């Protein structure tokens, strides 16, 4: 893990709850704020994705991590925010590329499709990979309307 303390906003719906709790423990060396949900009771993912995205967009947090069953709902929701580049990652190479090429600032993990161990590896890769800039900078600047 990185030696610098990273500020991470984290959230999930009920399908991602167990993984969110596990990742909070795994990433405990960093400053983490949990935006919910706080139980396995059925909830609506936008109620948690929007606050995480707002926290990252405002600059109060370096990165966000969102989890739901497929991670599609939280990714779609987070990407409605102008300053957010949320990437759906189901393997390490994707996590690396969304950071290197897209300067993603929110990691979306599909809890129903990856193991806990892989989720830890994806989070580690995402948090420890830098943006390459260069030819990718111009592309990233074209994302926001």
C-alpha atoms as a PDB file:
ATOM      1  CA  UNK A   1       0.000   0.000   0.000  1.00  0.00           C
ATOM      2  CA  UNK A   2       1.012   3.612  -0.456  1.00  0.00           C
ATOM      3  CA  UNK A   3       2.809   5.258   2.447  1.00  0.00           C
ATOM      4  CA  UNK A   4       0.873   8.522   2.056  1.00  0.00           C
ATOM      5  CA  UNK A   5      -2.470   8.645   3.841  1.00  0.00           C
ATOM      6  CA  UNK A   6      -5.213   8.880   1.212  1.00  0.00           C
ATOM      7  CA  UNK A   7      -8.653  10.363   1.903  1.00  0.00           C
ATOM      8  CA  UNK A   8     -11.233   7.877   0.616  1.00  0.00           C
ATOM      9  CA  UNK A   9     -15.018   8.268   0.455  1.00  0.00           C
ATOM     10  CA  UNK A  10     -16.705   4.863   0.371  1.00  0.00           C
ATOM     11  CA  UNK A  11     -20.276   3.735  -0.124  1.00  0.00           C
ATOM     12  CA  UNK A  12     -22.425   0.847  -1.239  1.00  0.00           C
ATOM     13  CA  UNK A  13     -25.914  -0.498  -1.499  1.00  0.00           C
ATOM     14  CA  UNK A  14     -26.994  -3.678   0.301  1.00  0.00           C
ATOM     15  CA  UNK A  15     -25.358  -5.946  -2.308  1.00  0.00           C
ATOM     16  CA  UNK A  16     -21.980  -4.313  -1.721  1.00  0.00           C
ATOM     17  CA  UNK A  17     -22.304  -3.868   2.039  1.00  0.00           C
ATOM     18  CA  UNK A  18     -20.139  -6.827   3.128  1.00  0.00           C
ATOM     19  CA  UNK A  19     -17.363  -5.900   0.684  1.00  0.00           C
ATOM     20  CA  UNK A  20     -17.509  -2.260   1.790  1.00  0.00           C
ATOM     21  CA  UNK A  21     -17.010  -3.311   5.397  1.00  0.00           C
ATOM     22  CA  UNK A  22     -14.146  -5.604   4.408  1.00  0.00           C
ATOM     23  CA  UNK A  23     -12.446  -2.864   2.355  1.00  0.00           C
ATOM     24  CA  UNK A  24     -12.761  -0.367   5.201  1.00  0.00           C
ATOM     25  CA  UNK A  25     -10.782  -2.750   7.407  1.00  0.00           C
ATOM     26  CA  UNK A  26      -8.299  -3.545   4.639  1.00  0.00           C
ATOM     27  CA  UNK A  27      -7.655   0.152   3.886  1.00  0.00           C
ATOM     28  CA  UNK A  28      -7.691   1.273   7.541  1.00  0.00           C
ATOM     29  CA  UNK A  29      -4.264   2.929   7.207  1.00  0.00           C
ATOM     30  CA  UNK A  30      -5.991   5.637   5.148  1.00  0.00           C
ATOM     31  CA  UNK A  31      -8.601   8.208   6.145  1.00  0.00           C
ATOM     32  CA  UNK A  32     -11.956   6.684   5.196  1.00  0.00           C
ATOM     33  CA  UNK A  33     -15.444   8.127   5.472  1.00  0.00           C
ATOM     34  CA  UNK A  34     -18.320   5.679   5.101  1.00  0.00           C
ATOM     35  CA  UNK A  35     -21.319   7.216   3.340  1.00  0.00           C
ATOM     36  CA  UNK A  36     -23.435   4.079   3.885  1.00  0.00           C
ATOM     37  CA  UNK A  37     -25.371   1.926   3.644  1.00  0.00           C
ATOM     38  CA  UNK A  38     -24.938   0.592   7.138  1.00  0.00           C
ATOM     39  CA  UNK A  39     -26.831  -2.723   6.909  1.00  0.00           C
ATOM     40  CA  UNK A  40     -27.915  -5.480   4.553  1.00  0.00           C
ATOM     41  CA  UNK A  41     -31.425  -4.002   4.283  1.00  0.00           C
ATOM     42  CA  UNK A  42     -32.470  -3.286   0.695  1.00  0.00           C
ATOM     43  CA  UNK A  43     -31.690   0.308  -0.340  1.00  0.00           C
ATOM     44  CA  UNK A  44     -31.374   2.410  -3.491  1.00  0.00           C
ATOM     45  CA  UNK A  45     -27.767   2.752  -4.711  1.00  0.00           C
ATOM     46  CA  UNK A  46     -28.072   6.427  -5.828  1.00  0.00           C
ATOM     47  CA  UNK A  47     -28.670   7.403  -2.191  1.00  0.00           C
ATOM     48  CA  UNK A  48     -25.059   6.426  -1.491  1.00  0.00           C
ATOM     49  CA  UNK A  49     -23.360   6.992  -4.850  1.00  0.00           C
ATOM     50  CA  UNK A  50     -24.311  10.682  -5.025  1.00  0.00           C
ATOM     51  CA  UNK A  51     -22.820  11.609  -1.616  1.00  0.00           C
ATOM     52  CA  UNK A  52     -19.576   9.748  -2.412  1.00  0.00           C
ATOM     53  CA  UNK A  53     -19.336  11.440  -5.808  1.00  0.00           C
ATOM     54  CA  UNK A  54     -20.053  14.859  -4.279  1.00  0.00           C
ATOM     55  CA  UNK A  55     -17.363  14.310  -1.635  1.00  0.00           C
ATOM     56  CA  UNK A  56     -14.750  13.504  -4.299  1.00  0.00           C
ATOM     57  CA  UNK A  57     -15.960  16.203  -6.686  1.00  0.00           C
ATOM     58  CA  UNK A  58     -15.635  18.853  -3.950  1.00  0.00           C
ATOM     59  CA  UNK A  59     -12.017  17.878  -3.337  1.00  0.00           C
ATOM     60  CA  UNK A  60     -12.672  16.849   0.261  1.00  0.00           C
ATOM     61  CA  UNK A  61     -11.561  13.303  -0.650  1.00  0.00           C
ATOM     62  CA  UNK A  62      -8.847  12.101  -3.037  1.00  0.00           C
ATOM     63  CA  UNK A  63     -10.794   9.074  -4.248  1.00  0.00           C
ATOM     64  CA  UNK A  64     -14.056   7.246  -3.875  1.00  0.00           C
ATOM     65  CA  UNK A  65     -14.916   3.573  -3.809  1.00  0.00           C
ATOM     66  CA  UNK A  66     -18.440   2.450  -4.649  1.00  0.00           C
ATOM     67  CA  UNK A  67     -19.827  -1.064  -4.563  1.00  0.00           C
ATOM     68  CA  UNK A  68     -23.059  -2.670  -5.659  1.00  0.00           C
ATOM     69  CA  UNK A  69     -24.018  -5.982  -7.225  1.00  0.00           C
ATOM     70  CA  UNK A  70     -22.833  -5.247 -10.771  1.00  0.00           C
ATOM     71  CA  UNK A  71     -21.259  -1.804 -10.084  1.00  0.00           C
ATOM     72  CA  UNK A  72     -23.106  -0.463 -13.121  1.00  0.00           C
ATOM     73  CA  UNK A  73     -25.689   1.478 -11.119  1.00  0.00           C
ATOM     74  CA  UNK A  74     -23.158   3.215  -8.888  1.00  0.00           C
ATOM     75  CA  UNK A  75     -20.885   3.987 -11.859  1.00  0.00           C
ATOM     76  CA  UNK A  76     -23.716   5.491 -13.895  1.00  0.00           C
ATOM     77  CA  UNK A  77     -24.862   7.549 -10.912  1.00  0.00           C
ATOM     78  CA  UNK A  78     -21.397   8.817  -9.965  1.00  0.00           C
ATOM     79  CA  UNK A  79     -20.598   9.761 -13.553  1.00  0.00           C
ATOM     80  CA  UNK A  80     -23.530  12.210 -13.566  1.00  0.00           C
ATOM     81  CA  UNK A  81     -21.256  14.531 -11.544  1.00  0.00           C
ATOM     82  CA  UNK A  82     -19.104  16.842 -13.693  1.00  0.00           C
ATOM     83  CA  UNK A  83     -15.850  16.299 -11.820  1.00  0.00           C
ATOM     84  CA  UNK A  84     -16.138  12.546 -11.567  1.00  0.00           C
ATOM     85  CA  UNK A  85     -14.581   9.820 -13.659  1.00  0.00           C
ATOM     86  CA  UNK A  86     -15.899   6.597 -12.149  1.00  0.00           C
ATOM     87  CA  UNK A  87     -14.541   3.350 -13.554  1.00  0.00           C
ATOM     88  CA  UNK A  88     -16.128  -0.082 -13.257  1.00  0.00           C
ATOM     89  CA  UNK A  89     -13.299  -2.500 -12.460  1.00  0.00           C
ATOM     90  CA  UNK A  90     -13.538  -6.283 -12.288  1.00  0.00           C
ATOM     91  CA  UNK A  91      -9.820  -7.106 -12.604  1.00  0.00           C
ATOM     92  CA  UNK A  92      -6.465  -5.514 -11.810  1.00  0.00           C
ATOM     93  CA  UNK A  93      -5.580  -4.546 -15.365  1.00  0.00           C
ATOM     94  CA  UNK A  94      -8.809  -2.570 -15.722  1.00  0.00           C
ATOM     95  CA  UNK A  95      -8.143  -0.805 -12.392  1.00  0.00           C
ATOM     96  CA  UNK A  96      -4.664   0.103 -13.590  1.00  0.00           C
ATOM     97  CA  UNK A  97      -5.872   1.385 -16.953  1.00  0.00           C
ATOM     98  CA  UNK A  98      -8.704   3.542 -15.587  1.00  0.00           C
ATOM     99  CA  UNK A  99      -6.122   5.330 -13.452  1.00  0.00           C
ATOM    100  CA  UNK A 100      -3.333   5.517 -16.070  1.00  0.00           C
ATOM    101  CA  UNK A 101      -5.470   6.476 -19.065  1.00  0.00           C
ATOM    102  CA  UNK A 102      -8.670   8.003 -17.655  1.00  0.00           C
ATOM    103  CA  UNK A 103      -7.494   9.569 -14.381  1.00  0.00           C
ATOM    104  CA  UNK A 104     -10.471   7.886 -12.700  1.00  0.00           C
ATOM    105  CA  UNK A 105     -11.208   9.218  -9.240  1.00  0.00           C
ATOM    106  CA  UNK A 106     -13.884   6.712  -8.202  1.00  0.00           C
ATOM    107  CA  UNK A 107     -13.462   2.954  -8.256  1.00  0.00           C
ATOM    108  CA  UNK A 108     -16.649   0.918  -8.778  1.00  0.00           C
ATOM    109  CA  UNK A 109     -16.428  -2.748  -7.818  1.00  0.00           C
ATOM    110  CA  UNK A 110     -19.059  -5.378  -8.760  1.00  0.00           C
ATOM    111  CA  UNK A 111     -19.411  -7.254  -5.468  1.00  0.00           C
ATOM    112  CA  UNK A 112     -21.351 -10.148  -7.007  1.00  0.00           C
ATOM    113  CA  UNK A 113     -18.691 -10.825  -9.633  1.00  0.00           C
ATOM    114  CA  UNK A 114     -15.320 -10.655  -7.854  1.00  0.00           C
ATOM    115  CA  UNK A 115     -13.893 -12.424  -4.832  1.00  0.00           C
ATOM    116  CA  UNK A 116     -13.016 -10.512  -1.667  1.00  0.00           C
ATOM    117  CA  UNK A 117      -9.335 -11.119  -2.373  1.00  0.00           C
ATOM    118  CA  UNK A 118      -9.642  -9.744  -5.894  1.00  0.00           C
ATOM    119  CA  UNK A 119     -11.571  -6.711  -4.587  1.00  0.00           C
ATOM    120  CA  UNK A 120      -8.630  -5.982  -2.261  1.00  0.00           C
ATOM    121  CA  UNK A 121      -6.167  -6.328  -5.149  1.00  0.00           C
ATOM    122  CA  UNK A 122      -8.281  -4.058  -7.381  1.00  0.00           C
ATOM    123  CA  UNK A 123      -8.500  -1.393  -4.664  1.00  0.00           C
ATOM    124  CA  UNK A 124      -4.753  -1.567  -4.044  1.00  0.00           C
ATOM    125  CA  UNK A 125      -3.987  -1.274  -7.752  1.00  0.00           C
ATOM    126  CA  UNK A 126      -6.413   1.638  -8.191  1.00  0.00           C
ATOM    127  CA  UNK A 127      -5.049   3.589  -5.221  1.00  0.00           C
ATOM    128  CA  UNK A 128      -1.390   3.017  -6.113  1.00  0.00           C
ATOM    129  CA  UNK A 129      -1.524   3.751  -9.845  1.00  0.00           C
ATOM    130  CA  UNK A 130      -0.915   7.254 -11.128  1.00  0.00           C
ATOM    131  CA  UNK A 131      -2.310   9.066 -14.137  1.00  0.00           C
ATOM    132  CA  UNK A 132       0.086   8.949 -17.100  1.00  0.00           C
ATOM    133  CA  UNK A 133      -0.966  12.309 -18.518  1.00  0.00           C
ATOM    134  CA  UNK A 134       0.622  12.940 -21.912  1.00  0.00           C
ATOM    135  CA  UNK A 135      -1.648  11.936 -24.766  1.00  0.00           C
ATOM    136  CA  UNK A 136      -4.298  10.913 -22.231  1.00  0.00           C
ATOM    137  CA  UNK A 137      -4.557  14.405 -20.716  1.00  0.00           C
ATOM    138  CA  UNK A 138      -6.231  15.866 -23.809  1.00  0.00           C
ATOM    139  CA  UNK A 139      -8.726  12.996 -23.863  1.00  0.00           C
ATOM    140  CA  UNK A 140      -9.617  13.379 -20.200  1.00  0.00           C
ATOM    141  CA  UNK A 141     -10.148  17.118 -20.697  1.00  0.00           C
ATOM    142  CA  UNK A 142     -12.749  16.316 -23.399  1.00  0.00           C
ATOM    143  CA  UNK A 143     -14.884  14.190 -21.043  1.00  0.00           C
ATOM    144  CA  UNK A 144     -16.755  16.984 -19.249  1.00  0.00           C
ATOM    145  CA  UNK A 145     -19.292  18.998 -21.253  1.00  0.00           C
END
